Amino acid sequence: MAGADSQEVASESSWTFLSNHGYVLLSIAREPGLRLRELAQRVGITERAVQRIITDLEQGGYVSRAREGRRNRYEVHANQHFRHPMVADREVRALLDLLNSSMRCEAAPAGHDDSTGMD
């Protein structure tokens, strides 16, 4: 029975709220010049998987890519709507803003109001 319990714990701890597509999109929104290798390391997937996800995001209109020398620079189109019918009335911007604002709040020193740029 202990084996079943440890499998259940492993299963419970391995899932996340966002898909890898969400993590790649969020990473690109934060740093548009990231390389595939860097994206793969951040998300915890292979470079090939990142490449497929970026292709999906491009085909869906969520991301575009432009060459800058030997590198790609990505642009997120945050005005695109979510694909799932439950949230299809919402723009992706809402999620990106939510996650990015929480990151700014965590990084801001105590007593600092990040929304005004003033202490």
PDB file of N, CA and C in Angstrom:
ATOM      1  N   MET A   1       0.815  -1.198   0.000  1.00  0.00           N
ATOM      2  CA  MET A   1       0.000   0.000   0.000  1.00  0.00           C
ATOM      3  C   MET A   1       0.854   1.255   0.000  1.00  0.00           C
ATOM      4  N   ALA A   2       2.030   1.204   0.590  1.00  0.00           N
ATOM      5  CA  ALA A   2       2.916   2.364   0.627  1.00  0.00           C
ATOM      6  C   ALA A   2       3.310   2.796  -0.768  1.00  0.00           C
ATOM      7  N   GLY A   3       3.443   1.847  -1.696  1.00  0.00           N
ATOM      8  CA  GLY A   3       3.784   2.181  -3.077  1.00  0.00           C
ATOM      9  C   GLY A   3       2.707   3.025  -3.729  1.00  0.00           C
ATOM     10  N   ALA A   4       1.464   2.697  -3.483  1.00  0.00           N
ATOM     11  CA  ALA A   4       0.350   3.462  -4.050  1.00  0.00           C
ATOM     12  C   ALA A   4       0.331   4.880  -3.502  1.00  0.00           C
ATOM     13  N   ASP A   5       0.604   5.005  -2.179  1.00  0.00           N
ATOM     14  CA  ASP A   5       0.631   6.330  -1.565  1.00  0.00           C
ATOM     15  C   ASP A   5       1.733   7.199  -2.175  1.00  0.00           C
ATOM     16  N   SER A   6       2.926   6.635  -2.369  1.00  0.00           N
ATOM     17  CA  SER A   6       4.023   7.419  -2.922  1.00  0.00           C
ATOM     18  C   SER A   6       3.754   7.786  -4.377  1.00  0.00           C
ATOM     19  N   GLN A   7       3.057   6.916  -5.124  1.00  0.00           N
ATOM     20  CA  GLN A   7       2.693   7.253  -6.504  1.00  0.00           C
ATOM     21  C   GLN A   7       1.688   8.398  -6.518  1.00  0.00           C
ATOM     22  N   GLU A   8       0.756   8.373  -5.574  1.00  0.00           N
ATOM     23  CA  GLU A   8      -0.249   9.429  -5.490  1.00  0.00           C
ATOM     24  C   GLU A   8       0.402  10.764  -5.163  1.00  0.00           C
ATOM     25  N   VAL A   9       1.350  10.766  -4.227  1.00  0.00           N
ATOM     26  CA  VAL A   9       2.058  11.991  -3.857  1.00  0.00           C
ATOM     27  C   VAL A   9       2.836  12.519  -5.054  1.00  0.00           C
ATOM     28  N   ALA A  10       3.538  11.631  -5.773  1.00  0.00           N
ATOM     29  CA  ALA A  10       4.298  12.058  -6.950  1.00  0.00           C
ATOM     30  C   ALA A  10       3.369  12.642  -8.000  1.00  0.00           C
ATOM     31  N   SER A  11       2.213  12.027  -8.190  1.00  0.00           N
ATOM     32  CA  SER A  11       1.255  12.516  -9.172  1.00  0.00           C
ATOM     33  C   SER A  11       0.711  13.879  -8.780  1.00  0.00           C
ATOM     34  N   GLU A  12       0.397  14.050  -7.503  1.00  0.00           N
ATOM     35  CA  GLU A  12      -0.141  15.310  -7.021  1.00  0.00           C
ATOM     36  C   GLU A  12       0.856  16.449  -7.163  1.00  0.00           C
ATOM     37  N   SER A  13       2.126  16.169  -6.993  1.00  0.00           N
ATOM     38  CA  SER A  13       3.118  17.227  -7.017  1.00  0.00           C
ATOM     39  C   SER A  13       3.654  17.520  -8.416  1.00  0.00           C
ATOM     40  N   SER A  14       3.281  16.753  -9.416  1.00  0.00           N
ATOM     41  CA  SER A  14       3.878  16.928 -10.739  1.00  0.00           C
ATOM     42  C   SER A  14       3.062  17.819 -11.675  1.00  0.00           C
ATOM     43  N   TRP A  15       1.850  18.166 -11.327  1.00  0.00           N
ATOM     44  CA  TRP A  15       1.053  18.963 -12.246  1.00  0.00           C
ATOM     45  C   TRP A  15       1.178  20.446 -11.926  1.00  0.00           C
ATOM     46  N   THR A  16       0.889  21.281 -12.925  1.00  0.00           N
ATOM     47  CA  THR A  16       0.901  22.735 -12.737  1.00  0.00           C
ATOM     48  C   THR A  16      -0.353  23.329 -13.372  1.00  0.00           C
ATOM     49  N   PHE A  17      -0.644  24.561 -13.051  1.00  0.00           N
ATOM     50  CA  PHE A  17      -1.844  25.203 -13.568  1.00  0.00           C
ATOM     51  C   PHE A  17      -1.714  25.627 -15.027  1.00  0.00           C
ATOM     52  N   LEU A  18      -0.524  25.958 -15.463  1.00  0.00           N
ATOM     53  CA  LEU A  18      -0.326  26.378 -16.846  1.00  0.00           C
ATOM     54  C   LEU A  18       0.281  25.254 -17.668  1.00  0.00           C
ATOM     55  N   SER A  19      -0.001  25.263 -18.956  1.00  0.00           N
ATOM     56  CA  SER A  19       0.623  24.297 -19.863  1.00  0.00           C
ATOM     57  C   SER A  19       1.996  24.820 -20.271  1.00  0.00           C
ATOM     58  N   ASN A  20       2.756  23.990 -20.930  1.00  0.00           N
ATOM     59  CA  ASN A  20       4.049  24.433 -21.439  1.00  0.00           C
ATOM     60  C   ASN A  20       3.877  25.571 -22.440  1.00  0.00           C
ATOM     61  N   HIS A  21       2.772  25.572 -23.182  1.00  0.00           N
ATOM     62  CA  HIS A  21       2.494  26.684 -24.095  1.00  0.00           C
ATOM     63  C   HIS A  21       2.398  27.994 -23.301  1.00  0.00           C
ATOM     64  N   GLY A  22       1.732  27.953 -22.169  1.00  0.00           N
ATOM     65  CA  GLY A  22       1.604  29.139 -21.327  1.00  0.00           C
ATOM     66  C   GLY A  22       2.941  29.604 -20.787  1.00  0.00           C
ATOM     67  N   TYR A  23       3.766  28.656 -20.368  1.00  0.00           N
ATOM     68  CA  TYR A  23       5.078  29.026 -19.832  1.00  0.00           C
ATOM     69  C   TYR A  23       5.991  29.602 -20.906  1.00  0.00           C
ATOM     70  N   VAL A  24       5.925  29.045 -22.112  1.00  0.00           N
ATOM     71  CA  VAL A  24       6.739  29.585 -23.207  1.00  0.00           C
ATOM     72  C   VAL A  24       6.258  30.992 -23.549  1.00  0.00           C
ATOM     73  N   LEU A  25       4.955  31.181 -23.656  1.00  0.00           N
ATOM     74  CA  LEU A  25       4.403  32.502 -23.975  1.00  0.00           C
ATOM     75  C   LEU A  25       4.785  33.523 -22.906  1.00  0.00           C
ATOM     76  N   LEU A  26       4.674  33.157 -21.653  1.00  0.00           N
ATOM     77  CA  LEU A  26       5.036  34.053 -20.556  1.00  0.00           C
ATOM     78  C   LEU A  26       6.519  34.404 -20.605  1.00  0.00           C
ATOM     79  N   SER A  27       7.354  33.422 -20.867  1.00  0.00           N
ATOM     80  CA  SER A  27       8.804  33.666 -20.953  1.00  0.00           C
ATOM     81  C   SER A  27       9.140  34.605 -22.092  1.00  0.00           C
ATOM     82  N   ILE A  28       8.502  34.404 -23.241  1.00  0.00           N
ATOM     83  CA  ILE A  28       8.739  35.273 -24.399  1.00  0.00           C
ATOM     84  C   ILE A  28       8.240  36.681 -24.103  1.00  0.00           C
ATOM     85  N   ALA A  29       7.104  36.798 -23.438  1.00  0.00           N
ATOM     86  CA  ALA A  29       6.563  38.122 -23.107  1.00  0.00           C
ATOM     87  C   ALA A  29       7.534  38.875 -22.195  1.00  0.00           C
ATOM     88  N   ARG A  30       8.175  38.157 -21.297  1.00  0.00           N
ATOM     89  CA  ARG A  30       9.117  38.789 -20.372  1.00  0.00           C
ATOM     90  C   ARG A  30      10.444  39.118 -21.026  1.00  0.00           C
ATOM     91  N   GLU A  31      10.911  38.233 -21.905  1.00  0.00           N
ATOM     92  CA  GLU A  31      12.209  38.424 -22.558  1.00  0.00           C
ATOM     93  C   GLU A  31      12.129  37.977 -24.014  1.00  0.00           C
ATOM     94  N   PRO A  32      11.759  38.884 -24.916  1.00  0.00           N
ATOM     95  CA  PRO A  32      11.531  38.538 -26.320  1.00  0.00           C
ATOM     96  C   PRO A  32      12.758  38.023 -27.072  1.00  0.00           C
ATOM     97  N   GLY A  33      13.937  38.230 -26.538  1.00  0.00           N
ATOM     98  CA  GLY A  33      15.148  37.811 -27.230  1.00  0.00           C
ATOM     99  C   GLY A  33      15.717  36.487 -26.754  1.00  0.00           C
ATOM    100  N   LEU A  34      14.977  35.753 -25.932  1.00  0.00           N
ATOM    101  CA  LEU A  34      15.488  34.479 -25.422  1.00  0.00           C
ATOM    102  C   LEU A  34      15.744  33.493 -26.555  1.00  0.00           C
ATOM    103  N   ARG A  35      16.787  32.702 -26.408  1.00  0.00           N
ATOM    104  CA  ARG A  35      17.090  31.637 -27.361  1.00  0.00           C
ATOM    105  C   ARG A  35      16.291  30.391 -26.982  1.00  0.00           C
ATOM    106  N   LEU A  36      16.124  29.511 -27.971  1.00  0.00           N
ATOM    107  CA  LEU A  36      15.392  28.266 -27.725  1.00  0.00           C
ATOM    108  C   LEU A  36      15.976  27.506 -26.538  1.00  0.00           C
ATOM    109  N   ARG A  37      17.282  27.454 -26.460  1.00  0.00           N
ATOM    110  CA  ARG A  37      17.949  26.734 -25.369  1.00  0.00           C
ATOM    111  C   ARG A  37      17.556  27.324 -24.020  1.00  0.00           C
ATOM    112  N   GLU A  38      17.542  28.653 -23.939  1.00  0.00           N
ATOM    113  CA  GLU A  38      17.181  29.314 -22.685  1.00  0.00           C
ATOM    114  C   GLU A  38      15.712  29.075 -22.339  1.00  0.00           C
ATOM    115  N   LEU A  39      14.846  29.144 -23.357  1.00  0.00           N
ATOM    116  CA  LEU A  39      13.426  28.871 -23.129  1.00  0.00           C
ATOM    117  C   LEU A  39      13.232  27.452 -22.625  1.00  0.00           C
ATOM    118  N   ALA A  40      13.912  26.501 -23.251  1.00  0.00           N
ATOM    119  CA  ALA A  40      13.795  25.099 -22.858  1.00  0.00           C
ATOM    120  C   ALA A  40      14.225  24.903 -21.407  1.00  0.00           C
ATOM    121  N   GLN A  41      15.306  25.530 -21.016  1.00  0.00           N
ATOM    122  CA  GLN A  41      15.793  25.405 -19.637  1.00  0.00           C
ATOM    123  C   GLN A  41      14.799  26.000 -18.645  1.00  0.00           C
ATOM    124  N   ARG A  42      14.252  27.150 -18.973  1.00  0.00           N
ATOM    125  CA  ARG A  42      13.298  27.797 -18.057  1.00  0.00           C
ATOM    126  C   ARG A  42      12.037  26.973 -17.871  1.00  0.00           C
ATOM    127  N   VAL A  43      11.523  26.448 -18.984  1.00  0.00           N
ATOM    128  CA  VAL A  43      10.257  25.718 -18.935  1.00  0.00           C
ATOM    129  C   VAL A  43      10.469  24.277 -18.469  1.00  0.00           C
ATOM    130  N   GLY A  44      11.669  23.752 -18.693  1.00  0.00           N
ATOM    131  CA  GLY A  44      11.956  22.379 -18.286  1.00  0.00           C
ATOM    132  C   GLY A  44      11.572  21.350 -19.331  1.00  0.00           C
ATOM    133  N   ILE A  45      11.679  21.742 -20.606  1.00  0.00           N
ATOM    134  CA  ILE A  45      11.362  20.850 -21.717  1.00  0.00           C
ATOM    135  C   ILE A  45      12.504  20.900 -22.725  1.00  0.00           C
ATOM    136  N   THR A  46      12.417  20.104 -23.767  1.00  0.00           N
ATOM    137  CA  THR A  46      13.477  20.065 -24.766  1.00  0.00           C
ATOM    138  C   THR A  46      13.377  21.250 -25.723  1.00  0.00           C
ATOM    139  N   GLU A  47      14.477  21.535 -26.398  1.00  0.00           N
ATOM    140  CA  GLU A  47      14.474  22.593 -27.407  1.00  0.00           C
ATOM    141  C   GLU A  47      13.486  22.271 -28.520  1.00  0.00           C
ATOM    142  N   ARG A  48      13.417  21.001 -28.906  1.00  0.00           N
ATOM    143  CA  ARG A  48      12.482  20.584 -29.961  1.00  0.00           C
ATOM    144  C   ARG A  48      11.040  20.869 -29.534  1.00  0.00           C
ATOM    145  N   ALA A  49      10.712  20.610 -28.269  1.00  0.00           N
ATOM    146  CA  ALA A  49       9.367  20.893 -27.764  1.00  0.00           C
ATOM    147  C   ALA A  49       9.086  22.398 -27.797  1.00  0.00           C
ATOM    148  N   VAL A  50      10.072  23.210 -27.425  1.00  0.00           N
ATOM    149  CA  VAL A  50       9.911  24.665 -27.485  1.00  0.00           C
ATOM    150  C   VAL A  50       9.671  25.104 -28.924  1.00  0.00           C
ATOM    151  N   GLN A  51      10.411  24.515 -29.837  1.00  0.00           N
ATOM    152  CA  GLN A  51      10.260  24.853 -31.254  1.00  0.00           C
ATOM    153  C   GLN A  51       8.834  24.553 -31.733  1.00  0.00           C
ATOM    154  N   ARG A  52       8.296  23.394 -31.348  1.00  0.00           N
ATOM    155  CA  ARG A  52       6.925  23.033 -31.733  1.00  0.00           C
ATOM    156  C   ARG A  52       5.911  23.999 -31.105  1.00  0.00           C
ATOM    157  N   ILE A  53       6.138  24.357 -29.849  1.00  0.00           N
ATOM    158  CA  ILE A  53       5.220  25.270 -29.166  1.00  0.00           C
ATOM    159  C   ILE A  53       5.240  26.642 -29.833  1.00  0.00           C
ATOM    160  N   ILE A  54       6.415  27.138 -30.160  1.00  0.00           N
ATOM    161  CA  ILE A  54       6.507  28.447 -30.827  1.00  0.00           C
ATOM    162  C   ILE A  54       5.802  28.391 -32.175  1.00  0.00           C
ATOM    163  N   THR A  55       5.950  27.291 -32.896  1.00  0.00           N
ATOM    164  CA  THR A  55       5.236  27.130 -34.166  1.00  0.00           C
ATOM    165  C   THR A  55       3.732  27.177 -33.929  1.00  0.00           C
ATOM    166  N   ASP A  56       3.246  26.473 -32.895  1.00  0.00           N
ATOM    167  CA  ASP A  56       1.816  26.517 -32.552  1.00  0.00           C
ATOM    168  C   ASP A  56       1.376  27.943 -32.239  1.00  0.00           C
ATOM    169  N   LEU A  57       2.170  28.634 -31.423  1.00  0.00           N
ATOM    170  CA  LEU A  57       1.823  30.007 -31.031  1.00  0.00           C
ATOM    171  C   LEU A  57       1.830  30.951 -32.226  1.00  0.00           C
ATOM    172  N   GLU A  58       2.771  30.751 -33.141  1.00  0.00           N
ATOM    173  CA  GLU A  58       2.802  31.572 -34.360  1.00  0.00           C
ATOM    174  C   GLU A  58       1.580  31.300 -35.224  1.00  0.00           C
ATOM    175  N   GLN A  59       1.278  30.032 -35.429  1.00  0.00           N
ATOM    176  CA  GLN A  59       0.127  29.674 -36.260  1.00  0.00           C
ATOM    177  C   GLN A  59      -1.184  30.157 -35.655  1.00  0.00           C
ATOM    178  N   GLY A  60      -1.247  30.229 -34.334  1.00  0.00           N
ATOM    179  CA  GLY A  60      -2.439  30.722 -33.648  1.00  0.00           C
ATOM    180  C   GLY A  60      -2.524  32.237 -33.590  1.00  0.00           C
ATOM    181  N   GLY A  61      -1.458  32.922 -34.028  1.00  0.00           N
ATOM    182  CA  GLY A  61      -1.458  34.377 -34.018  1.00  0.00           C
ATOM    183  C   GLY A  61      -1.052  34.997 -32.693  1.00  0.00           C
ATOM    184  N   TYR A  62      -0.524  34.193 -31.774  1.00  0.00           N
ATOM    185  CA  TYR A  62      -0.144  34.691 -30.459  1.00  0.00           C
ATOM    186  C   TYR A  62       1.265  35.268 -30.423  1.00  0.00           C
ATOM    187  N   VAL A  63       2.101  34.837 -31.362  1.00  0.00           N
ATOM    188  CA  VAL A  63       3.505  35.236 -31.395  1.00  0.00           C
ATOM    189  C   VAL A  63       3.923  35.427 -32.840  1.00  0.00           C
ATOM    190  N   SER A  64       4.791  36.397 -33.068  1.00  0.00           N
ATOM    191  CA  SER A  64       5.458  36.503 -34.370  1.00  0.00           C
ATOM    192  C   SER A  64       6.955  36.571 -34.090  1.00  0.00           C
ATOM    193  N   ARG A  65       7.714  36.220 -35.112  1.00  0.00           N
ATOM    194  CA  ARG A  65       9.171  36.182 -34.927  1.00  0.00           C
ATOM    195  C   ARG A  65       9.819  36.990 -36.038  1.00  0.00           C
ATOM    196  N   ALA A  66      10.886  37.679 -35.676  1.00  0.00           N
ATOM    197  CA  ALA A  66      11.662  38.460 -36.641  1.00  0.00           C
ATOM    198  C   ALA A  66      13.132  38.125 -36.431  1.00  0.00           C
ATOM    199  N   ARG A  67      13.858  38.034 -37.502  1.00  0.00           N
ATOM    200  CA  ARG A  67      15.291  37.764 -37.419  1.00  0.00           C
ATOM    201  C   ARG A  67      16.025  39.044 -37.088  1.00  0.00           C
ATOM    202  N   GLU A  68      16.945  38.939 -36.158  1.00  0.00           N
ATOM    203  CA  GLU A  68      17.863  40.032 -35.834  1.00  0.00           C
ATOM    204  C   GLU A  68      19.259  39.436 -35.908  1.00  0.00           C
ATOM    205  N   GLY A  69      19.882  39.576 -37.058  1.00  0.00           N
ATOM    206  CA  GLY A  69      21.177  38.929 -37.260  1.00  0.00           C
ATOM    207  C   GLY A  69      20.985  37.435 -37.306  1.00  0.00           C
ATOM    208  N   ARG A  70      21.664  36.728 -36.411  1.00  0.00           N
ATOM    209  CA  ARG A  70      21.554  35.276 -36.361  1.00  0.00           C
ATOM    210  C   ARG A  70      20.547  34.799 -35.314  1.00  0.00           C
ATOM    211  N   ARG A  71      19.871  35.725 -34.681  1.00  0.00           N
ATOM    212  CA  ARG A  71      18.928  35.387 -33.610  1.00  0.00           C
ATOM    213  C   ARG A  71      17.505  35.733 -33.995  1.00  0.00           C
ATOM    214  N   ASN A  72      16.579  35.154 -33.283  1.00  0.00           N
ATOM    215  CA  ASN A  72      15.166  35.501 -33.420  1.00  0.00           C
ATOM    216  C   ASN A  72      14.762  36.412 -32.277  1.00  0.00           C
ATOM    217  N   ARG A  73      13.876  37.321 -32.584  1.00  0.00           N
ATOM    218  CA  ARG A  73      13.255  38.150 -31.553  1.00  0.00           C
ATOM    219  C   ARG A  73      11.758  37.931 -31.714  1.00  0.00           C
ATOM    220  N   TYR A  74      11.098  37.679 -30.611  1.00  0.00           N
ATOM    221  CA  TYR A  74       9.677  37.337 -30.639  1.00  0.00           C
ATOM    222  C   TYR A  74       8.836  38.514 -30.170  1.00  0.00           C
ATOM    223  N   GLU A  75       7.644  38.573 -30.688  1.00  0.00           N
ATOM    224  CA  GLU A  75       6.674  39.573 -30.247  1.00  0.00           C
ATOM    225  C   GLU A  75       5.389  38.846 -29.886  1.00  0.00           C
ATOM    226  N   VAL A  76       4.898  39.093 -28.695  1.00  0.00           N
ATOM    227  CA  VAL A  76       3.655  38.483 -28.234  1.00  0.00           C
ATOM    228  C   VAL A  76       2.499  39.386 -28.630  1.00  0.00           C
ATOM    229  N   HIS A  77       1.452  38.780 -29.168  1.00  0.00           N
ATOM    230  CA  HIS A  77       0.238  39.511 -29.546  1.00  0.00           C
ATOM    231  C   HIS A  77      -0.809  39.244 -28.462  1.00  0.00           C
ATOM    232  N   ALA A  78      -0.704  40.037 -27.407  1.00  0.00           N
ATOM    233  CA  ALA A  78      -1.487  39.812 -26.196  1.00  0.00           C
ATOM    234  C   ALA A  78      -2.970  40.126 -26.378  1.00  0.00           C
ATOM    235  N   ASN A  79      -3.337  40.722 -27.497  1.00  0.00           N
ATOM    236  CA  ASN A  79      -4.745  41.021 -27.740  1.00  0.00           C
ATOM    237  C   ASN A  79      -5.507  39.814 -28.294  1.00  0.00           C
ATOM    238  N   GLN A  80      -4.783  38.729 -28.578  1.00  0.00           N
ATOM    239  CA  GLN A  80      -5.446  37.508 -29.038  1.00  0.00           C
ATOM    240  C   GLN A  80      -6.247  36.913 -27.881  1.00  0.00           C
ATOM    241  N   HIS A  81      -7.336  36.273 -28.225  1.00  0.00           N
ATOM    242  CA  HIS A  81      -8.202  35.668 -27.208  1.00  0.00           C
ATOM    243  C   HIS A  81      -7.773  34.236 -26.920  1.00  0.00           C
ATOM    244  N   PHE A  82      -8.106  33.777 -25.710  1.00  0.00           N
ATOM    245  CA  PHE A  82      -7.830  32.392 -25.345  1.00  0.00           C
ATOM    246  C   PHE A  82      -8.572  31.457 -26.287  1.00  0.00           C
ATOM    247  N   ARG A  83      -8.060  30.258 -26.428  1.00  0.00           N
ATOM    248  CA  ARG A  83      -8.641  29.274 -27.336  1.00  0.00           C
ATOM    249  C   ARG A  83      -9.765  28.474 -26.690  1.00  0.00           C
ATOM    250  N   HIS A  84      -9.711  28.267 -25.389  1.00  0.00           N
ATOM    251  CA  HIS A  84     -10.710  27.431 -24.727  1.00  0.00           C
ATOM    252  C   HIS A  84     -12.032  28.188 -24.618  1.00  0.00           C
ATOM    253  N   PRO A  85     -13.156  27.519 -24.922  1.00  0.00           N
ATOM    254  CA  PRO A  85     -14.463  28.200 -24.895  1.00  0.00           C
ATOM    255  C   PRO A  85     -14.818  28.853 -23.553  1.00  0.00           C
ATOM    256  N   MET A  86     -14.313  28.317 -22.442  1.00  0.00           N
ATOM    257  CA  MET A  86     -14.651  28.895 -21.134  1.00  0.00           C
ATOM    258  C   MET A  86     -14.095  30.300 -20.952  1.00  0.00           C
ATOM    259  N   VAL A  87     -13.016  30.622 -21.658  1.00  0.00           N
ATOM    260  CA  VAL A  87     -12.382  31.930 -21.492  1.00  0.00           C
ATOM    261  C   VAL A  87     -12.118  32.609 -22.839  1.00  0.00           C
ATOM    262  N   ALA A  88     -12.824  32.175 -23.868  1.00  0.00           N
ATOM    263  CA  ALA A  88     -12.599  32.708 -25.211  1.00  0.00           C
ATOM    264  C   ALA A  88     -12.947  34.186 -25.325  1.00  0.00           C
ATOM    265  N   ASP A  89     -13.677  34.726 -24.360  1.00  0.00           N
ATOM    266  CA  ASP A  89     -14.006  36.149 -24.371  1.00  0.00           C
ATOM    267  C   ASP A  89     -12.897  37.006 -23.763  1.00  0.00           C
ATOM    268  N   ARG A  90     -11.840  36.378 -23.284  1.00  0.00           N
ATOM    269  CA  ARG A  90     -10.741  37.089 -22.622  1.00  0.00           C
ATOM    270  C   ARG A  90      -9.494  37.118 -23.491  1.00  0.00           C
ATOM    271  N   GLU A  91      -8.769  38.220 -23.409  1.00  0.00           N
ATOM    272  CA  GLU A  91      -7.489  38.327 -24.112  1.00  0.00           C
ATOM    273  C   GLU A  91      -6.388  37.691 -23.273  1.00  0.00           C
ATOM    274  N   VAL A  92      -5.380  37.186 -23.949  1.00  0.00           N
ATOM    275  CA  VAL A  92      -4.222  36.593 -23.288  1.00  0.00           C
ATOM    276  C   VAL A  92      -3.541  37.627 -22.408  1.00  0.00           C
ATOM    277  N   ARG A  93      -3.676  38.881 -22.750  1.00  0.00           N
ATOM    278  CA  ARG A  93      -3.092  39.980 -21.965  1.00  0.00           C
ATOM    279  C   ARG A  93      -3.479  39.884 -20.487  1.00  0.00           C
ATOM    280  N   ALA A  94      -4.707  39.462 -20.216  1.00  0.00           N
ATOM    281  CA  ALA A  94      -5.168  39.381 -18.826  1.00  0.00           C
ATOM    282  C   ALA A  94      -4.287  38.438 -18.003  1.00  0.00           C
ATOM    283  N   LEU A  95      -3.949  37.295 -18.570  1.00  0.00           N
ATOM    284  CA  LEU A  95      -3.094  36.345 -17.872  1.00  0.00           C
ATOM    285  C   LEU A  95      -1.674  36.879 -17.743  1.00  0.00           C
ATOM    286  N   LEU A  96      -1.136  37.415 -18.827  1.00  0.00           N
ATOM    287  CA  LEU A  96       0.226  37.943 -18.793  1.00  0.00           C
ATOM    288  C   LEU A  96       0.342  39.086 -17.792  1.00  0.00           C
ATOM    289  N   ASP A  97      -0.640  39.980 -17.799  1.00  0.00           N
ATOM    290  CA  ASP A  97      -0.629  41.100 -16.846  1.00  0.00           C
ATOM    291  C   ASP A  97      -0.707  40.594 -15.410  1.00  0.00           C
ATOM    292  N   LEU A  98      -1.564  39.629 -15.172  1.00  0.00           N
ATOM    293  CA  LEU A  98      -1.710  39.080 -13.831  1.00  0.00           C
ATOM    294  C   LEU A  98      -0.397  38.477 -13.348  1.00  0.00           C
ATOM    295  N   LEU A  99       0.199  37.640 -14.161  1.00  0.00           N
ATOM    296  CA  LEU A  99       1.438  36.970 -13.750  1.00  0.00           C
ATOM    297  C   LEU A  99       2.604  37.947 -13.661  1.00  0.00           C
ATOM    298  N   ASN A 100       2.670  38.888 -14.569  1.00  0.00           N
ATOM    299  CA  ASN A 100       3.759  39.866 -14.510  1.00  0.00           C
ATOM    300  C   ASN A 100       3.586  40.834 -13.353  1.00  0.00           C
ATOM    301  N   SER A 101       2.351  41.216 -13.024  1.00  0.00           N
ATOM    302  CA  SER A 101       2.149  42.134 -11.897  1.00  0.00           C
ATOM    303  C   SER A 101       2.487  41.439 -10.591  1.00  0.00           C
ATOM    304  N   SER A 102       2.215  40.157 -10.485  1.00  0.00           N
ATOM    305  CA  SER A 102       2.569  39.454  -9.255  1.00  0.00           C
ATOM    306  C   SER A 102       4.082  39.364  -9.121  1.00  0.00           C
ATOM    307  N   MET A 103       4.789  39.244 -10.235  1.00  0.00           N
ATOM    308  CA  MET A 103       6.250  39.207 -10.190  1.00  0.00           C
ATOM    309  C   MET A 103       6.788  40.566  -9.754  1.00  0.00           C
ATOM    310  N   ARG A 104       6.187  41.663 -10.243  1.00  0.00           N
ATOM    311  CA  ARG A 104       6.642  42.998  -9.852  1.00  0.00           C
ATOM    312  C   ARG A 104       6.397  43.230  -8.369  1.00  0.00           C
ATOM    313  N   CYS A 105       5.256  42.758  -7.868  1.00  0.00           N
ATOM    314  CA  CYS A 105       4.946  42.939  -6.449  1.00  0.00           C
ATOM    315  C   CYS A 105       5.934  42.182  -5.582  1.00  0.00           C
ATOM    316  N   GLU A 106       6.290  40.962  -5.975  1.00  0.00           N
ATOM    317  CA  GLU A 106       7.239  40.169  -5.199  1.00  0.00           C
ATOM    318  C   GLU A 106       8.620  40.807  -5.203  1.00  0.00           C
ATOM    319  N   ALA A 107       8.984  41.452  -6.317  1.00  0.00           N
ATOM    320  CA  ALA A 107      10.315  42.027  -6.454  1.00  0.00           C
ATOM    321  C   ALA A 107      10.418  43.419  -5.825  1.00  0.00           C
ATOM    322  N   ALA A 108       9.298  44.098  -5.629  1.00  0.00           N
ATOM    323  CA  ALA A 108       9.318  45.454  -5.083  1.00  0.00           C
ATOM    324  C   ALA A 108       9.673  45.430  -3.605  1.00  0.00           C
ATOM    325  N   PRO A 109      10.526  46.352  -3.184  1.00  0.00           N
ATOM    326  CA  PRO A 109      10.860  46.426  -1.753  1.00  0.00           C
ATOM    327  C   PRO A 109       9.644  46.846  -0.928  1.00  0.00           C
ATOM    328  N   ALA A 110       9.633  46.493   0.322  1.00  0.00           N
ATOM    329  CA  ALA A 110       8.538  46.852   1.218  1.00  0.00           C
ATOM    330  C   ALA A 110       8.350  48.360   1.238  1.00  0.00           C
ATOM    331  N   GLY A 111       7.079  48.786   1.178  1.00  0.00           N
ATOM    332  CA  GLY A 111       6.785  50.218   1.209  1.00  0.00           C
ATOM    333  C   GLY A 111       6.852  50.884  -0.151  1.00  0.00           C
ATOM    334  N   HIS A 112       7.178  50.115  -1.196  1.00  0.00           N
ATOM    335  CA  HIS A 112       7.297  50.658  -2.535  1.00  0.00           C
ATOM    336  C   HIS A 112       6.003  50.412  -3.295  1.00  0.00           C
ATOM    337  N   ASP A 113       5.415  51.465  -3.825  1.00  0.00           N
ATOM    338  CA  ASP A 113       4.189  51.343  -4.620  1.00  0.00           C
ATOM    339  C   ASP A 113       4.597  51.279  -6.088  1.00  0.00           C
ATOM    340  N   ASP A 114       4.609  50.069  -6.643  1.00  0.00           N
ATOM    341  CA  ASP A 114       5.073  49.847  -8.024  1.00  0.00           C
ATOM    342  C   ASP A 114       4.130  50.462  -9.058  1.00  0.00           C
ATOM    343  N   SER A 115       2.877  50.660  -8.702  1.00  0.00           N
ATOM    344  CA  SER A 115       1.924  51.172  -9.689  1.00  0.00           C
ATOM    345  C   SER A 115       2.154  52.636 -10.008  1.00  0.00           C
ATOM    346  N   THR A 116       2.778  53.374  -9.126  1.00  0.00           N
ATOM    347  CA  THR A 116       3.001  54.795  -9.363  1.00  0.00           C
ATOM    348  C   THR A 116       4.450  55.102  -9.692  1.00  0.00           C
ATOM    349  N   GLY A 117       5.315  54.146  -9.413  1.00  0.00           N
ATOM    350  CA  GLY A 117       6.738  54.395  -9.631  1.00  0.00           C
ATOM    351  C   GLY A 117       7.353  55.219  -8.518  1.00  0.00           C
ATOM    352  N   MET A 118       6.613  55.378  -7.407  1.00  0.00           N
ATOM    353  CA  MET A 118       7.083  56.194  -6.295  1.00  0.00           C
ATOM    354  C   MET A 118       7.151  55.365  -5.022  1.00  0.00           C
ATOM    355  N   ASP A 119       8.001  55.763  -4.097  1.00  0.00           N
ATOM    356  CA  ASP A 119       8.088  55.103  -2.796  1.00  0.00           C
ATOM    357  C   ASP A 119       7.126  55.721  -1.836  1.00  0.00           C
TER     358      ASP A 119
END
